[in-house]
Each structure stands twice: as C-alpha cells, then as structure tokens.
Amino acid sequence: MENNNQAQNEIKKRKSLKRIIIKYSIVIAICLAIAIICLFTRNFTKAIVGTKEYYRIWADSFTIPGIIYIFLALIIFLINEGSLTALGYMGRIIVRSFTPNSKKERMNYYEYSQSKKKITGYSCLLWVGLAFFLVGLIFLILFYNA
C-alpha cells in the first residue's frame, strides 16, 4: 500500500516538474523572440563588436522583454489582489449597456468580485523577466565602460 502511494507521489512530482519546465521554456522562447526582434530592428549586424553602439543594442534588446514580463507579473499580482476588479466590473456594465438584447440579470459588484478566479502559476514571468533584465543591465554596464 505504501509503495503504491509513493509511486503515485513520484508520478505527480514528475508531471509537476514537466509542467514547470514547459512553462518556463515557453516564456523564455517568447522573451528570446522579442529580444531577437529588437536586435534586428536596430541593425545589430552593422554594429562593430566592442563599440558603445554594440553594447547599447544588446542592452536594449534584453531590457525590453525583461521589463515587459516584470510588469506583466505585477499586473497579474494586482488583478489577483482585486485592485483592478472595479475596472473590469465597470467595463462589463458599459459593454452590456451598448449590447442589444442583453436581458441577463446584472450581478452586483460583490457577486462579480466573488466570481473572479485567481490566476496562478505566473511567477515564471517574474523570474524570467528579472533574468533578462539583469542580462540587459550587464550589457548596460559594458556600454558605460566601453
């Protein structure tokens, strides 16, 4: 009986680890795609290696996706804390007022706020964003020391 429970716990841990790896891989891939787009829009292929311009391009390319993901994690945190629930409720009322044939009963604010589900598993956005931001800071330091 104990071996069966241990085997089930081991399977759950593997599935959980697999989900975490997939989640982080997707977030890192999207951050890298944003960084590569930033690199190509700045014509980094024409910059001479070791110059200030070269380091500035790399600093910008890693700082931009880092800041985007840090602020995205912050917004999700604020949504979970209920700071933006009132805006969502007002937006819903405005959309319903302009929608024809919407005869559904309106929820009051308390019912609306209780029906909202919390977003979980967004810490990977913060950690990947911080990592990219730190790489950008390293290139920024190289920019000022070049």
C-alpha atoms as a PDB file:
ATOM      1  CA  MET A   1       0.000   0.000   0.000  1.00  0.00           C
ATOM      2  CA  GLU A   2       2.819   2.362   0.928  1.00  0.00           C
ATOM      3  CA  ASN A   3       4.736   1.592  -2.255  1.00  0.00           C
ATOM      4  CA  ASN A   4       1.647   2.410  -4.319  1.00  0.00           C
ATOM      5  CA  ASN A   5       1.292   5.820  -2.614  1.00  0.00           C
ATOM      6  CA  GLN A   6       4.989   6.534  -3.105  1.00  0.00           C
ATOM      7  CA  ALA A   7       4.727   5.613  -6.773  1.00  0.00           C
ATOM      8  CA  GLN A   8       1.717   7.902  -7.216  1.00  0.00           C
ATOM      9  CA  ASN A   9       3.546  10.752  -5.463  1.00  0.00           C
ATOM     10  CA  GLU A  10       6.556  10.215  -7.717  1.00  0.00           C
ATOM     11  CA  ILE A  11       4.336  10.361 -10.819  1.00  0.00           C
ATOM     12  CA  LYS A  12       2.715  13.590  -9.571  1.00  0.00           C
ATOM     13  CA  LYS A  13       6.136  15.141  -8.957  1.00  0.00           C
ATOM     14  CA  ARG A  14       7.304  14.232 -12.458  1.00  0.00           C
ATOM     15  CA  LYS A  15       4.168  15.684 -14.051  1.00  0.00           C
ATOM     16  CA  SER A  16       4.542  18.833 -11.974  1.00  0.00           C
ATOM     17  CA  LEU A  17       8.195  19.190 -12.940  1.00  0.00           C
ATOM     18  CA  LYS A  18       7.326  18.621 -16.585  1.00  0.00           C
ATOM     19  CA  ARG A  19       4.688  21.381 -16.444  1.00  0.00           C
ATOM     20  CA  ILE A  20       7.143  23.780 -14.855  1.00  0.00           C
ATOM     21  CA  ILE A  21       9.787  23.058 -17.485  1.00  0.00           C
ATOM     22  CA  ILE A  22       7.272  23.569 -20.298  1.00  0.00           C
ATOM     23  CA  LYS A  23       6.003  26.803 -18.736  1.00  0.00           C
ATOM     24  CA  TYR A  24       9.495  28.258 -18.343  1.00  0.00           C
ATOM     25  CA  SER A  25      10.510  27.092 -21.835  1.00  0.00           C
ATOM     26  CA  ILE A  26       7.576  28.892 -23.433  1.00  0.00           C
ATOM     27  CA  VAL A  27       8.233  32.104 -21.503  1.00  0.00           C
ATOM     28  CA  ILE A  28      11.953  32.031 -22.330  1.00  0.00           C
ATOM     29  CA  ALA A  29      11.214  31.352 -26.017  1.00  0.00           C
ATOM     30  CA  ILE A  30       8.871  34.338 -26.211  1.00  0.00           C
ATOM     31  CA  CYS A  31      11.402  36.567 -24.428  1.00  0.00           C
ATOM     32  CA  LEU A  32      14.130  35.465 -26.804  1.00  0.00           C
ATOM     33  CA  ALA A  33      11.854  36.155 -29.775  1.00  0.00           C
ATOM     34  CA  ILE A  34      11.231  39.693 -28.503  1.00  0.00           C
ATOM     35  CA  ALA A  35      14.973  40.194 -27.941  1.00  0.00           C
ATOM     36  CA  ILE A  36      15.798  38.946 -31.452  1.00  0.00           C
ATOM     37  CA  ILE A  37      13.170  41.245 -32.970  1.00  0.00           C
ATOM     38  CA  CYS A  38      14.703  44.156 -31.059  1.00  0.00           C
ATOM     39  CA  LEU A  39      18.166  43.186 -32.296  1.00  0.00           C
ATOM     40  CA  PHE A  40      17.123  43.079 -35.923  1.00  0.00           C
ATOM     41  CA  THR A  41      15.160  46.328 -35.781  1.00  0.00           C
ATOM     42  CA  ARG A  42      18.310  48.056 -34.509  1.00  0.00           C
ATOM     43  CA  ASN A  43      20.561  46.621 -37.265  1.00  0.00           C
ATOM     44  CA  PHE A  44      22.920  44.953 -34.842  1.00  0.00           C
ATOM     45  CA  THR A  45      24.696  43.202 -37.730  1.00  0.00           C
ATOM     46  CA  LYS A  46      26.170  46.547 -38.803  1.00  0.00           C
ATOM     47  CA  ALA A  47      27.437  47.457 -35.323  1.00  0.00           C
ATOM     48  CA  ILE A  48      31.115  46.847 -34.658  1.00  0.00           C
ATOM     49  CA  VAL A  49      31.785  44.427 -31.817  1.00  0.00           C
ATOM     50  CA  GLY A  50      33.114  46.181 -28.709  1.00  0.00           C
ATOM     51  CA  THR A  51      31.765  49.627 -29.504  1.00  0.00           C
ATOM     52  CA  LYS A  52      29.310  51.548 -27.377  1.00  0.00           C
ATOM     53  CA  GLU A  53      26.628  51.193 -30.022  1.00  0.00           C
ATOM     54  CA  TYR A  54      27.016  47.384 -29.977  1.00  0.00           C
ATOM     55  CA  TYR A  55      26.534  47.177 -26.206  1.00  0.00           C
ATOM     56  CA  ARG A  56      23.624  49.629 -26.296  1.00  0.00           C
ATOM     57  CA  ILE A  57      21.782  47.494 -28.846  1.00  0.00           C
ATOM     58  CA  TRP A  58      22.261  44.344 -26.755  1.00  0.00           C
ATOM     59  CA  ALA A  59      21.277  46.165 -23.531  1.00  0.00           C
ATOM     60  CA  ASP A  60      18.057  47.429 -25.104  1.00  0.00           C
ATOM     61  CA  SER A  61      17.258  44.046 -26.603  1.00  0.00           C
ATOM     62  CA  PHE A  62      17.399  42.257 -23.256  1.00  0.00           C
ATOM     63  CA  THR A  63      15.982  45.038 -21.084  1.00  0.00           C
ATOM     64  CA  ILE A  64      12.783  45.485 -23.117  1.00  0.00           C
ATOM     65  CA  PRO A  65      11.434  41.908 -22.764  1.00  0.00           C
ATOM     66  CA  GLY A  66      12.617  41.838 -19.151  1.00  0.00           C
ATOM     67  CA  ILE A  67      10.630  44.931 -18.254  1.00  0.00           C
ATOM     68  CA  ILE A  68       7.600  43.704 -20.199  1.00  0.00           C
ATOM     69  CA  TYR A  69       7.496  40.441 -18.254  1.00  0.00           C
ATOM     70  CA  ILE A  70       8.194  42.083 -14.883  1.00  0.00           C
ATOM     71  CA  PHE A  71       5.278  44.471 -15.390  1.00  0.00           C
ATOM     72  CA  LEU A  72       3.064  41.656 -16.690  1.00  0.00           C
ATOM     73  CA  ALA A  73       3.711  39.706 -13.475  1.00  0.00           C
ATOM     74  CA  LEU A  74       2.975  42.865 -11.472  1.00  0.00           C
ATOM     75  CA  ILE A  75      -0.336  43.392 -13.280  1.00  0.00           C
ATOM     76  CA  ILE A  76      -1.358  39.782 -12.663  1.00  0.00           C
ATOM     77  CA  PHE A  77      -0.469  40.215  -8.985  1.00  0.00           C
ATOM     78  CA  LEU A  78      -2.648  43.337  -8.808  1.00  0.00           C
ATOM     79  CA  ILE A  79      -5.518  41.525 -10.516  1.00  0.00           C
ATOM     80  CA  ASN A  80      -5.279  38.677  -8.002  1.00  0.00           C
ATOM     81  CA  GLU A  81      -5.344  41.143  -5.126  1.00  0.00           C
ATOM     82  CA  GLY A  82      -8.538  42.686  -6.525  1.00  0.00           C
ATOM     83  CA  SER A  83      -7.083  46.104  -7.325  1.00  0.00           C
ATOM     84  CA  LEU A  84      -8.419  46.098 -10.884  1.00  0.00           C
ATOM     85  CA  THR A  85     -11.722  44.330 -10.248  1.00  0.00           C
ATOM     86  CA  ALA A  86     -13.682  47.582 -10.213  1.00  0.00           C
ATOM     87  CA  LEU A  87     -12.383  48.495 -13.681  1.00  0.00           C
ATOM     88  CA  GLY A  88     -13.445  45.103 -15.025  1.00  0.00           C
ATOM     89  CA  TYR A  89     -16.882  45.473 -13.473  1.00  0.00           C
ATOM     90  CA  MET A  90     -17.373  48.946 -14.963  1.00  0.00           C
ATOM     91  CA  GLY A  91     -16.195  47.740 -18.363  1.00  0.00           C
ATOM     92  CA  ARG A  92     -18.664  44.870 -18.236  1.00  0.00           C
ATOM     93  CA  ILE A  93     -21.539  47.222 -17.409  1.00  0.00           C
ATOM     94  CA  ILE A  94     -20.570  49.597 -20.234  1.00  0.00           C
ATOM     95  CA  VAL A  95     -20.356  46.774 -22.792  1.00  0.00           C
ATOM     96  CA  ARG A  96     -23.706  45.382 -21.682  1.00  0.00           C
ATOM     97  CA  SER A  97     -25.356  48.779 -21.939  1.00  0.00           C
ATOM     98  CA  PHE A  98     -24.400  49.012 -25.629  1.00  0.00           C
ATOM     99  CA  THR A  99     -25.167  45.383 -26.438  1.00  0.00           C
ATOM    100  CA  PRO A 100     -28.642  44.905 -27.861  1.00  0.00           C
ATOM    101  CA  ASN A 101     -30.879  42.202 -26.396  1.00  0.00           C
ATOM    102  CA  SER A 102     -28.779  41.695 -23.280  1.00  0.00           C
ATOM    103  CA  LYS A 103     -31.506  40.889 -20.811  1.00  0.00           C
ATOM    104  CA  LYS A 104     -29.365  38.854 -18.469  1.00  0.00           C
ATOM    105  CA  GLU A 105     -29.553  39.817 -14.844  1.00  0.00           C
ATOM    106  CA  ARG A 106     -26.797  42.094 -13.759  1.00  0.00           C
ATOM    107  CA  MET A 107     -24.564  40.970 -10.945  1.00  0.00           C
ATOM    108  CA  ASN A 108     -23.787  43.484  -8.265  1.00  0.00           C
ATOM    109  CA  TYR A 109     -20.163  44.322  -7.541  1.00  0.00           C
ATOM    110  CA  TYR A 110     -19.849  41.879  -4.639  1.00  0.00           C
ATOM    111  CA  GLU A 111     -21.116  38.962  -6.724  1.00  0.00           C
ATOM    112  CA  TYR A 112     -18.825  39.957  -9.583  1.00  0.00           C
ATOM    113  CA  SER A 113     -15.748  40.161  -7.356  1.00  0.00           C
ATOM    114  CA  GLN A 114     -16.553  36.788  -5.773  1.00  0.00           C
ATOM    115  CA  SER A 115     -16.947  35.131  -9.173  1.00  0.00           C
ATOM    116  CA  LYS A 116     -13.463  36.156 -10.348  1.00  0.00           C
ATOM    117  CA  LYS A 117     -10.920  33.350 -10.226  1.00  0.00           C
ATOM    118  CA  LYS A 118      -7.338  33.983  -9.199  1.00  0.00           C
ATOM    119  CA  ILE A 119      -4.570  33.470 -11.753  1.00  0.00           C
ATOM    120  CA  THR A 120      -1.934  31.024 -10.564  1.00  0.00           C
ATOM    121  CA  GLY A 121       1.463  29.983 -11.854  1.00  0.00           C
ATOM    122  CA  TYR A 122       2.651  33.354 -13.071  1.00  0.00           C
ATOM    123  CA  SER A 123       5.880  33.505 -11.061  1.00  0.00           C
ATOM    124  CA  CYS A 124       7.795  32.235 -14.095  1.00  0.00           C
ATOM    125  CA  LEU A 125       7.023  35.557 -15.805  1.00  0.00           C
ATOM    126  CA  LEU A 126       8.677  37.439 -12.962  1.00  0.00           C
ATOM    127  CA  TRP A 127      11.785  35.240 -12.755  1.00  0.00           C
ATOM    128  CA  VAL A 128      12.420  35.137 -16.500  1.00  0.00           C
ATOM    129  CA  GLY A 129      11.776  38.875 -16.718  1.00  0.00           C
ATOM    130  CA  LEU A 130      14.259  39.529 -13.925  1.00  0.00           C
ATOM    131  CA  ALA A 131      16.860  37.298 -15.599  1.00  0.00           C
ATOM    132  CA  PHE A 132      16.526  39.120 -18.929  1.00  0.00           C
ATOM    133  CA  PHE A 133      16.585  42.474 -17.147  1.00  0.00           C
ATOM    134  CA  LEU A 134      19.801  41.522 -15.336  1.00  0.00           C
ATOM    135  CA  VAL A 135      21.437  40.476 -18.618  1.00  0.00           C
ATOM    136  CA  GLY A 136      20.380  43.845 -20.010  1.00  0.00           C
ATOM    137  CA  LEU A 137      21.968  45.576 -17.009  1.00  0.00           C
ATOM    138  CA  ILE A 138      25.226  43.711 -17.635  1.00  0.00           C
ATOM    139  CA  PHE A 139      25.267  44.998 -21.218  1.00  0.00           C
ATOM    140  CA  LEU A 140      24.409  48.474 -19.890  1.00  0.00           C
ATOM    141  CA  ILE A 141      27.431  48.350 -17.589  1.00  0.00           C
ATOM    142  CA  LEU A 142      29.573  47.276 -20.554  1.00  0.00           C
ATOM    143  CA  PHE A 143      28.093  50.196 -22.522  1.00  0.00           C
ATOM    144  CA  TYR A 144      29.200  52.730 -19.922  1.00  0.00           C
ATOM    145  CA  ASN A 145      32.633  51.124 -19.520  1.00  0.00           C
ATOM    146  CA  ALA A 146      33.390  50.897 -23.258  1.00  0.00           C
END
